[in-house]
């Protein structure tokens, strides 16, 4: 419980910094940025698998939920990237 306040502070700072960075991105670059950042969710998948492997039931359920959400994010990122790249291909 001693680490809760510092962790909450770091989380809140990350939220504010992330919001400021995303609002500064021009709309033209938003889709490539998001498709690239969705691929980074692979790191979240690794963390979720580690969390799901713990003996605690709560942590296992939370890890499984994180695994499902991160996998959905990765697949969605690749689908968006594929769709975006298809817009730049020449039509026969």
PDB file of N, CA and C in Angstrom:
ATOM      1  N   UNK A   1       0.824  -1.199   0.000  1.00  0.00           N
ATOM      2  CA  UNK A   1       0.000   0.000   0.000  1.00  0.00           C
ATOM      3  C   UNK A   1       0.865   1.258   0.000  1.00  0.00           C
ATOM      4  N   UNK A   2       2.116   1.113   0.438  1.00  0.00           N
ATOM      5  CA  UNK A   2       3.002   2.277   0.489  1.00  0.00           C
ATOM      6  C   UNK A   2       3.328   2.800  -0.907  1.00  0.00           C
ATOM      7  N   UNK A   3       3.301   1.925  -1.895  1.00  0.00           N
ATOM      8  CA  UNK A   3       3.672   2.327  -3.251  1.00  0.00           C
ATOM      9  C   UNK A   3       2.482   2.835  -4.054  1.00  0.00           C
ATOM     10  N   UNK A   4       1.298   2.844  -3.470  1.00  0.00           N
ATOM     11  CA  UNK A   4       0.105   3.221  -4.226  1.00  0.00           C
ATOM     12  C   UNK A   4       0.145   4.676  -4.695  1.00  0.00           C
ATOM     13  N   UNK A   5       0.470   5.589  -3.813  1.00  0.00           N
ATOM     14  CA  UNK A   5       0.472   7.018  -4.159  1.00  0.00           C
ATOM     15  C   UNK A   5       1.510   7.334  -5.239  1.00  0.00           C
ATOM     16  N   UNK A   6       2.752   6.855  -5.124  1.00  0.00           N
ATOM     17  CA  UNK A   6       3.705   7.127  -6.216  1.00  0.00           C
ATOM     18  C   UNK A   6       3.275   6.504  -7.547  1.00  0.00           C
ATOM     19  N   UNK A   7       2.721   5.301  -7.505  1.00  0.00           N
ATOM     20  CA  UNK A   7       2.265   4.665  -8.742  1.00  0.00           C
ATOM     21  C   UNK A   7       1.080   5.415  -9.344  1.00  0.00           C
ATOM     22  N   UNK A   8       0.177   5.875  -8.502  1.00  0.00           N
ATOM     23  CA  UNK A   8      -0.956   6.667  -8.986  1.00  0.00           C
ATOM     24  C   UNK A   8      -0.476   7.985  -9.589  1.00  0.00           C
ATOM     25  N   UNK A   9       0.520   8.592  -8.977  1.00  0.00           N
ATOM     26  CA  UNK A   9       1.085   9.837  -9.499  1.00  0.00           C
ATOM     27  C   UNK A   9       1.714   9.617 -10.871  1.00  0.00           C
ATOM     28  N   UNK A  10       2.470   8.546 -11.018  1.00  0.00           N
ATOM     29  CA  UNK A  10       3.087   8.235 -12.313  1.00  0.00           C
ATOM     30  C   UNK A  10       2.016   7.966 -13.361  1.00  0.00           C
ATOM     31  N   UNK A  11       0.977   7.242 -12.976  1.00  0.00           N
ATOM     32  CA  UNK A  11      -0.112   6.958 -13.912  1.00  0.00           C
ATOM     33  C   UNK A  11      -0.797   8.241 -14.372  1.00  0.00           C
ATOM     34  N   UNK A  12      -1.093   9.125 -13.440  1.00  0.00           N
ATOM     35  CA  UNK A  12      -1.769  10.376 -13.797  1.00  0.00           C
ATOM     36  C   UNK A  12      -0.879  11.253 -14.684  1.00  0.00           C
ATOM     37  N   UNK A  13       0.412  11.296 -14.391  1.00  0.00           N
ATOM     38  CA  UNK A  13       1.327  12.054 -15.246  1.00  0.00           C
ATOM     39  C   UNK A  13       1.381  11.453 -16.651  1.00  0.00           C
ATOM     40  N   UNK A  14       1.383  10.131 -16.739  1.00  0.00           N
ATOM     41  CA  UNK A  14       1.396   9.472 -18.048  1.00  0.00           C
ATOM     42  C   UNK A  14       0.125   9.776 -18.828  1.00  0.00           C
ATOM     43  N   UNK A  15      -1.003   9.839 -18.140  1.00  0.00           N
ATOM     44  CA  UNK A  15      -2.268  10.177 -18.805  1.00  0.00           C
ATOM     45  C   UNK A  15      -2.200  11.589 -19.371  1.00  0.00           C
ATOM     46  N   UNK A  16      -1.748  12.539 -18.580  1.00  0.00           N
ATOM     47  CA  UNK A  16      -1.682  13.925 -19.050  1.00  0.00           C
ATOM     48  C   UNK A  16      -0.676  14.096 -20.184  1.00  0.00           C
ATOM     49  N   UNK A  17       0.490  13.484 -20.062  1.00  0.00           N
ATOM     50  CA  UNK A  17       1.504  13.592 -21.119  1.00  0.00           C
ATOM     51  C   UNK A  17       1.008  12.924 -22.398  1.00  0.00           C
ATOM     52  N   UNK A  18       0.413  11.748 -22.271  1.00  0.00           N
ATOM     53  CA  UNK A  18      -0.129  11.063 -23.445  1.00  0.00           C
ATOM     54  C   UNK A  18      -1.209  11.869 -24.135  1.00  0.00           C
ATOM     55  N   UNK A  19      -2.081  12.472 -23.355  1.00  0.00           N
ATOM     56  CA  UNK A  19      -3.145  13.300 -23.935  1.00  0.00           C
ATOM     57  C   UNK A  19      -2.559  14.492 -24.679  1.00  0.00           C
ATOM     58  N   UNK A  20      -1.577  15.135 -24.090  1.00  0.00           N
ATOM     59  CA  UNK A  20      -0.954  16.291 -24.737  1.00  0.00           C
ATOM     60  C   UNK A  20      -0.243  15.895 -26.026  1.00  0.00           C
ATOM     61  N   UNK A  21       0.412  14.756 -26.024  1.00  0.00           N
ATOM     62  CA  UNK A  21       1.124  14.316 -27.227  1.00  0.00           C
ATOM     63  C   UNK A  21       0.139  13.969 -28.336  1.00  0.00           C
ATOM     64  N   UNK A  22      -0.904  13.237 -28.001  1.00  0.00           N
ATOM     65  CA  UNK A  22      -1.873  12.807 -29.017  1.00  0.00           C
ATOM     66  C   UNK A  22      -2.620  13.999 -29.610  1.00  0.00           C
ATOM     67  N   UNK A  23      -2.928  15.001 -28.802  1.00  0.00           N
ATOM     68  CA  UNK A  23      -3.659  16.151 -29.341  1.00  0.00           C
ATOM     69  C   UNK A  23      -2.795  16.995 -30.272  1.00  0.00           C
ATOM     70  N   UNK A  24      -1.482  16.843 -30.198  1.00  0.00           N
ATOM     71  CA  UNK A  24      -0.586  17.612 -31.071  1.00  0.00           C
ATOM     72  C   UNK A  24      -0.319  16.916 -32.410  1.00  0.00           C
ATOM     73  N   UNK A  25      -0.777  15.681 -32.564  1.00  0.00           N
ATOM     74  CA  UNK A  25      -0.544  14.937 -33.802  1.00  0.00           C
ATOM     75  C   UNK A  25      -1.543  15.398 -34.859  1.00  0.00           C
ATOM     76  N   UNK A  26      -1.057  15.758 -36.058  1.00  0.00           N
ATOM     77  CA  UNK A  26      -1.994  16.158 -37.112  1.00  0.00           C
ATOM     78  C   UNK A  26      -2.859  14.974 -37.556  1.00  0.00           C
ATOM     79  N   UNK A  27      -4.070  15.243 -38.020  1.00  0.00           N
ATOM     80  CA  UNK A  27      -4.976  14.154 -38.417  1.00  0.00           C
ATOM     81  C   UNK A  27      -4.395  13.233 -39.494  1.00  0.00           C
ATOM     82  N   UNK A  28      -3.552  13.771 -40.356  1.00  0.00           N
ATOM     83  CA  UNK A  28      -2.966  12.959 -41.425  1.00  0.00           C
ATOM     84  C   UNK A  28      -2.066  11.858 -40.869  1.00  0.00           C
ATOM     85  N   UNK A  29      -1.424  12.122 -39.747  1.00  0.00           N
ATOM     86  CA  UNK A  29      -0.505  11.143 -39.168  1.00  0.00           C
ATOM     87  C   UNK A  29      -1.144  10.275 -38.094  1.00  0.00           C
ATOM     88  N   UNK A  30      -2.395  10.513 -37.786  1.00  0.00           N
ATOM     89  CA  UNK A  30      -3.016   9.802 -36.674  1.00  0.00           C
ATOM     90  C   UNK A  30      -3.140   8.306 -36.943  1.00  0.00           C
ATOM     91  N   UNK A  31      -3.573   7.923 -38.140  1.00  0.00           N
ATOM     92  CA  UNK A  31      -3.753   6.497 -38.442  1.00  0.00           C
ATOM     93  C   UNK A  31      -2.435   5.734 -38.438  1.00  0.00           C
ATOM     94  N   UNK A  32      -1.372   6.235 -39.089  1.00  0.00           N
ATOM     95  CA  UNK A  32      -0.105   5.491 -39.002  1.00  0.00           C
ATOM     96  C   UNK A  32       0.437   5.412 -37.579  1.00  0.00           C
ATOM     97  N   UNK A  33       0.250   6.468 -36.814  1.00  0.00           N
ATOM     98  CA  UNK A  33       0.723   6.458 -35.433  1.00  0.00           C
ATOM     99  C   UNK A  33      -0.032   5.418 -34.616  1.00  0.00           C
ATOM    100  N   UNK A  34      -1.341   5.372 -34.791  1.00  0.00           N
ATOM    101  CA  UNK A  34      -2.140   4.423 -34.022  1.00  0.00           C
ATOM    102  C   UNK A  34      -1.869   2.985 -34.443  1.00  0.00           C
ATOM    103  N   UNK A  35      -1.683   2.746 -35.730  1.00  0.00           N
ATOM    104  CA  UNK A  35      -1.416   1.374 -36.155  1.00  0.00           C
ATOM    105  C   UNK A  35      -0.057   0.910 -35.640  1.00  0.00           C
ATOM    106  N   UNK A  36       0.889   1.818 -35.576  1.00  0.00           N
ATOM    107  CA  UNK A  36       2.193   1.454 -35.013  1.00  0.00           C
ATOM    108  C   UNK A  36       2.128   1.232 -33.516  1.00  0.00           C
ATOM    109  N   UNK A  37       1.383   2.066 -32.826  1.00  0.00           N
ATOM    110  CA  UNK A  37       1.295   1.911 -31.372  1.00  0.00           C
ATOM    111  C   UNK A  37       0.463   0.694 -30.985  1.00  0.00           C
ATOM    112  N   UNK A  38      -0.461   0.298 -31.831  1.00  0.00           N
ATOM    113  CA  UNK A  38      -1.221  -0.918 -31.544  1.00  0.00           C
ATOM    114  C   UNK A  38      -0.322  -2.146 -31.611  1.00  0.00           C
ATOM    115  N   UNK A  39       0.662  -2.113 -32.481  1.00  0.00           N
ATOM    116  CA  UNK A  39       1.588  -3.242 -32.564  1.00  0.00           C
ATOM    117  C   UNK A  39       2.430  -3.354 -31.294  1.00  0.00           C
ATOM    118  N   UNK A  40       2.626  -2.248 -30.612  1.00  0.00           N
ATOM    119  CA  UNK A  40       3.388  -2.271 -29.364  1.00  0.00           C
ATOM    120  C   UNK A  40       2.618  -3.023 -28.278  1.00  0.00           C
ATOM    121  N   UNK A  41       1.345  -3.242 -28.493  1.00  0.00           N
ATOM    122  CA  UNK A  41       0.556  -3.988 -27.515  1.00  0.00           C
ATOM    123  C   UNK A  41       1.045  -5.418 -27.357  1.00  0.00           C
ATOM    124  N   UNK A  42       1.933  -5.844 -28.233  1.00  0.00           N
ATOM    125  CA  UNK A  42       2.550  -7.152 -28.050  1.00  0.00           C
ATOM    126  C   UNK A  42       3.286  -7.235 -26.724  1.00  0.00           C
ATOM    127  N   UNK A  43       3.826  -6.121 -26.274  1.00  0.00           N
ATOM    128  CA  UNK A  43       4.485  -6.084 -24.968  1.00  0.00           C
ATOM    129  C   UNK A  43       3.458  -6.311 -23.866  1.00  0.00           C
ATOM    130  N   UNK A  44       2.275  -5.750 -24.046  1.00  0.00           N
ATOM    131  CA  UNK A  44       1.204  -5.952 -23.076  1.00  0.00           C
ATOM    132  C   UNK A  44       0.792  -7.412 -23.025  1.00  0.00           C
ATOM    133  N   UNK A  45       0.824  -8.073 -24.165  1.00  0.00           N
ATOM    134  CA  UNK A  45       0.473  -9.497 -24.202  1.00  0.00           C
ATOM    135  C   UNK A  45       1.450 -10.305 -23.356  1.00  0.00           C
ATOM    136  N   UNK A  46       2.722  -9.977 -23.452  1.00  0.00           N
ATOM    137  CA  UNK A  46       3.718 -10.695 -22.645  1.00  0.00           C
ATOM    138  C   UNK A  46       3.463 -10.464 -21.158  1.00  0.00           C
ATOM    139  N   UNK A  47       3.207  -9.222 -20.780  1.00  0.00           N
ATOM    140  CA  UNK A  47       2.905  -8.925 -19.378  1.00  0.00           C
ATOM    141  C   UNK A  47       1.632  -9.606 -18.908  1.00  0.00           C
ATOM    142  N   UNK A  48       0.637  -9.678 -19.784  1.00  0.00           N
ATOM    143  CA  UNK A  48      -0.622 -10.334 -19.419  1.00  0.00           C
ATOM    144  C   UNK A  48      -0.426 -11.833 -19.236  1.00  0.00           C
ATOM    145  N   UNK A  49       0.423 -12.433 -20.059  1.00  0.00           N
ATOM    146  CA  UNK A  49       0.687 -13.867 -19.894  1.00  0.00           C
ATOM    147  C   UNK A  49       1.415 -14.136 -18.583  1.00  0.00           C
ATOM    148  N   UNK A  50       2.320 -13.248 -18.221  1.00  0.00           N
ATOM    149  CA  UNK A  50       3.018 -13.405 -16.939  1.00  0.00           C
ATOM    150  C   UNK A  50       2.027 -13.252 -15.786  1.00  0.00           C
ATOM    151  N   UNK A  51       1.131 -12.272 -15.889  1.00  0.00           N
ATOM    152  CA  UNK A  51       0.141 -12.063 -14.829  1.00  0.00           C
ATOM    153  C   UNK A  51      -0.840 -13.226 -14.752  1.00  0.00           C
ATOM    154  N   UNK A  52      -1.197 -13.788 -15.903  1.00  0.00           N
ATOM    155  CA  UNK A  52      -2.152 -14.902 -15.909  1.00  0.00           C
ATOM    156  C   UNK A  52      -1.543 -16.171 -15.327  1.00  0.00           C
ATOM    157  N   UNK A  53      -0.230 -16.249 -15.276  1.00  0.00           N
ATOM    158  CA  UNK A  53       0.429 -17.457 -14.772  1.00  0.00           C
ATOM    159  C   UNK A  53       0.622 -17.446 -13.257  1.00  0.00           C
ATOM    160  N   UNK A  54       0.144 -16.424 -12.586  1.00  0.00           N
ATOM    161  CA  UNK A  54       0.315 -16.355 -11.135  1.00  0.00           C
ATOM    162  C   UNK A  54      -0.714 -17.241 -10.437  1.00  0.00           C
ATOM    163  N   UNK A  55      -0.435 -17.643  -9.203  1.00  0.00           N
ATOM    164  CA  UNK A  55      -1.369 -18.528  -8.504  1.00  0.00           C
ATOM    165  C   UNK A  55      -2.653 -17.839  -8.020  1.00  0.00           C
ATOM    166  N   UNK A  56      -2.666 -16.525  -7.964  1.00  0.00           N
ATOM    167  CA  UNK A  56      -3.845 -15.805  -7.492  1.00  0.00           C
ATOM    168  C   UNK A  56      -4.954 -15.840  -8.544  1.00  0.00           C
ATOM    169  N   UNK A  57      -6.153 -16.160  -8.122  1.00  0.00           N
ATOM    170  CA  UNK A  57      -7.280 -16.236  -9.053  1.00  0.00           C
ATOM    171  C   UNK A  57      -7.605 -14.863  -9.637  1.00  0.00           C
ATOM    172  N   UNK A  58      -7.604 -13.851  -8.795  1.00  0.00           N
ATOM    173  CA  UNK A  58      -7.915 -12.496  -9.265  1.00  0.00           C
ATOM    174  C   UNK A  58      -6.909 -12.037 -10.316  1.00  0.00           C
ATOM    175  N   UNK A  59      -5.640 -12.266 -10.051  1.00  0.00           N
ATOM    176  CA  UNK A  59      -4.600 -11.857 -10.995  1.00  0.00           C
ATOM    177  C   UNK A  59      -4.685 -12.662 -12.285  1.00  0.00           C
ATOM    178  N   UNK A  60      -5.041 -13.929 -12.178  1.00  0.00           N
ATOM    179  CA  UNK A  60      -5.191 -14.758 -13.369  1.00  0.00           C
ATOM    180  C   UNK A  60      -6.332 -14.247 -14.245  1.00  0.00           C
ATOM    181  N   UNK A  61      -7.451 -13.913 -13.631  1.00  0.00           N
ATOM    182  CA  UNK A  61      -8.596 -13.392 -14.391  1.00  0.00           C
ATOM    183  C   UNK A  61      -8.247 -12.042 -15.008  1.00  0.00           C
ATOM    184  N   UNK A  62      -7.601 -11.190 -14.232  1.00  0.00           N
ATOM    185  CA  UNK A  62      -7.202  -9.879 -14.741  1.00  0.00           C
ATOM    186  C   UNK A  62      -6.181 -10.020 -15.872  1.00  0.00           C
ATOM    187  N   UNK A  63      -5.241 -10.940 -15.720  1.00  0.00           N
ATOM    188  CA  UNK A  63      -4.255 -11.188 -16.773  1.00  0.00           C
ATOM    189  C   UNK A  63      -4.894 -11.728 -18.037  1.00  0.00           C
ATOM    190  N   UNK A  64      -5.877 -12.615 -17.878  1.00  0.00           N
ATOM    191  CA  UNK A  64      -6.571 -13.149 -19.049  1.00  0.00           C
ATOM    192  C   UNK A  64      -7.354 -12.050 -19.769  1.00  0.00           C
ATOM    193  N   UNK A  65      -8.012 -11.188 -19.004  1.00  0.00           N
ATOM    194  CA  UNK A  65      -8.752 -10.076 -19.618  1.00  0.00           C
ATOM    195  C   UNK A  65      -7.794  -9.144 -20.359  1.00  0.00           C
ATOM    196  N   UNK A  66      -6.644  -8.869 -19.750  1.00  0.00           N
ATOM    197  CA  UNK A  66      -5.644  -8.025 -20.413  1.00  0.00           C
ATOM    198  C   UNK A  66      -5.120  -8.697 -21.674  1.00  0.00           C
ATOM    199  N   UNK A  67      -4.962 -10.003 -21.626  1.00  0.00           N
ATOM    200  CA  UNK A  67      -4.495 -10.753 -22.793  1.00  0.00           C
ATOM    201  C   UNK A  67      -5.486 -10.652 -23.944  1.00  0.00           C
ATOM    202  N   UNK A  68      -6.755 -10.815 -23.644  1.00  0.00           N
ATOM    203  CA  UNK A  68      -7.787 -10.730 -24.685  1.00  0.00           C
ATOM    204  C   UNK A  68      -7.847  -9.320 -25.273  1.00  0.00           C
ATOM    205  N   UNK A  69      -7.830  -8.313 -24.417  1.00  0.00           N
ATOM    206  CA  UNK A  69      -7.908  -6.934 -24.910  1.00  0.00           C
ATOM    207  C   UNK A  69      -6.670  -6.542 -25.714  1.00  0.00           C
ATOM    208  N   UNK A  70      -5.503  -6.941 -25.257  1.00  0.00           N
ATOM    209  CA  UNK A  70      -4.277  -6.603 -25.986  1.00  0.00           C
ATOM    210  C   UNK A  70      -4.217  -7.331 -27.323  1.00  0.00           C
ATOM    211  N   UNK A  71      -4.650  -8.587 -27.347  1.00  0.00           N
ATOM    212  CA  UNK A  71      -4.659  -9.332 -28.612  1.00  0.00           C
ATOM    213  C   UNK A  71      -5.633  -8.695 -29.600  1.00  0.00           C
ATOM    214  N   UNK A  72      -6.775  -8.253 -29.105  1.00  0.00           N
ATOM    215  CA  UNK A  72      -7.734  -7.559 -29.965  1.00  0.00           C
ATOM    216  C   UNK A  72      -7.129  -6.269 -30.510  1.00  0.00           C
ATOM    217  N   UNK A  73      -6.395  -5.574 -29.679  1.00  0.00           N
ATOM    218  CA  UNK A  73      -5.750  -4.336 -30.096  1.00  0.00           C
ATOM    219  C   UNK A  73      -4.690  -4.593 -31.166  1.00  0.00           C
ATOM    220  N   UNK A  74      -3.913  -5.648 -31.000  1.00  0.00           N
ATOM    221  CA  UNK A  74      -2.878  -5.980 -31.984  1.00  0.00           C
ATOM    222  C   UNK A  74      -3.517  -6.339 -33.326  1.00  0.00           C
ATOM    223  N   UNK A  75      -4.526  -7.189 -33.296  1.00  0.00           N
ATOM    224  CA  UNK A  75      -5.194  -7.588 -34.539  1.00  0.00           C
ATOM    225  C   UNK A  75      -5.835  -6.376 -35.210  1.00  0.00           C
ATOM    226  N   UNK A  76      -6.486  -5.540 -34.427  1.00  0.00           N
ATOM    227  CA  UNK A  76      -7.087  -4.325 -34.986  1.00  0.00           C
ATOM    228  C   UNK A  76      -6.045  -3.405 -35.590  1.00  0.00           C
ATOM    229  N   UNK A  77      -4.899  -3.295 -34.946  1.00  0.00           N
ATOM    230  CA  UNK A  77      -3.826  -2.459 -35.478  1.00  0.00           C
ATOM    231  C   UNK A  77      -3.322  -2.960 -36.813  1.00  0.00           C
ATOM    232  N   UNK A  78      -3.168  -4.274 -36.923  1.00  0.00           N
ATOM    233  CA  UNK A  78      -2.713  -4.824 -38.196  1.00  0.00           C
ATOM    234  C   UNK A  78      -3.779  -4.687 -39.279  1.00  0.00           C
ATOM    235  N   UNK A  79      -5.042  -4.822 -38.916  1.00  0.00           N
ATOM    236  CA  UNK A  79      -6.109  -4.646 -39.909  1.00  0.00           C
ATOM    237  C   UNK A  79      -6.172  -3.205 -40.408  1.00  0.00           C
ATOM    238  N   UNK A  80      -6.023  -2.262 -39.496  1.00  0.00           N
ATOM    239  CA  UNK A  80      -6.024  -0.855 -39.897  1.00  0.00           C
ATOM    240  C   UNK A  80      -4.818  -0.555 -40.787  1.00  0.00           C
ATOM    241  N   UNK A  81      -3.664  -1.098 -40.428  1.00  0.00           N
ATOM    242  CA  UNK A  81      -2.468  -0.882 -41.240  1.00  0.00           C
ATOM    243  C   UNK A  81      -2.642  -1.477 -42.629  1.00  0.00           C
ATOM    244  N   UNK A  82      -3.194  -2.671 -42.698  1.00  0.00           N
ATOM    245  CA  UNK A  82      -3.426  -3.309 -43.999  1.00  0.00           C
ATOM    246  C   UNK A  82      -4.389  -2.474 -44.846  1.00  0.00           C
ATOM    247  N   UNK A  83      -5.433  -1.995 -44.226  1.00  0.00           N
ATOM    248  CA  UNK A  83      -6.412  -1.170 -44.943  1.00  0.00           C
ATOM    249  C   UNK A  83      -5.788   0.143 -45.407  1.00  0.00           C
ATOM    250  N   UNK A  84      -4.949   0.726 -44.550  1.00  0.00           N
ATOM    251  CA  UNK A  84      -4.295   1.984 -44.900  1.00  0.00           C
ATOM    252  C   UNK A  84      -3.324   1.784 -46.064  1.00  0.00           C
ATOM    253  N   UNK A  85      -2.558   0.703 -46.028  1.00  0.00           N
ATOM    254  CA  UNK A  85      -1.612   0.445 -47.108  1.00  0.00           C
ATOM    255  C   UNK A  85      -2.326   0.108 -48.414  1.00  0.00           C
ATOM    256  N   UNK A  86      -3.498  -0.485 -48.328  1.00  0.00           N
ATOM    257  CA  UNK A  86      -4.264  -0.804 -49.536  1.00  0.00           C
ATOM    258  C   UNK A  86      -4.717   0.463 -50.255  1.00  0.00           C
ATOM    259  N   UNK A  87      -4.852   1.550 -49.538  1.00  0.00           N
ATOM    260  CA  UNK A  87      -5.266   2.802 -50.170  1.00  0.00           C
ATOM    261  C   UNK A  87      -4.176   3.356 -51.084  1.00  0.00           C
ATOM    262  N   UNK A  88      -2.920   2.973 -50.847  1.00  0.00           N
ATOM    263  CA  UNK A  88      -1.817   3.507 -51.630  1.00  0.00           C
ATOM    264  C   UNK A  88      -1.405   2.609 -52.794  1.00  0.00           C
ATOM    265  N   UNK A  89      -2.047   1.465 -52.950  1.00  0.00           N
ATOM    266  CA  UNK A  89      -1.707   0.570 -54.049  1.00  0.00           C
ATOM    267  C   UNK A  89      -2.404   1.022 -55.326  1.00  0.00           C
ATOM    268  N   UNK A  90      -1.723   0.762 -56.442  1.00  0.00           N
ATOM    269  CA  UNK A  90      -2.314   1.098 -57.734  1.00  0.00           C
ATOM    270  C   UNK A  90      -3.447   0.140 -58.043  1.00  0.00           C
ATOM    271  N   UNK A  91      -4.493   0.680 -58.605  1.00  0.00           N
ATOM    272  CA  UNK A  91      -5.620  -0.161 -59.002  1.00  0.00           C
ATOM    273  C   UNK A  91      -5.383  -0.653 -60.417  1.00  0.00           C
ATOM    274  N   UNK A  92      -5.630  -1.930 -60.629  1.00  0.00           N
ATOM    275  CA  UNK A  92      -5.401  -2.514 -61.962  1.00  0.00           C
ATOM    276  C   UNK A  92      -6.525  -2.211 -62.910  1.00  0.00           C
TER     277      UNK A  92
END
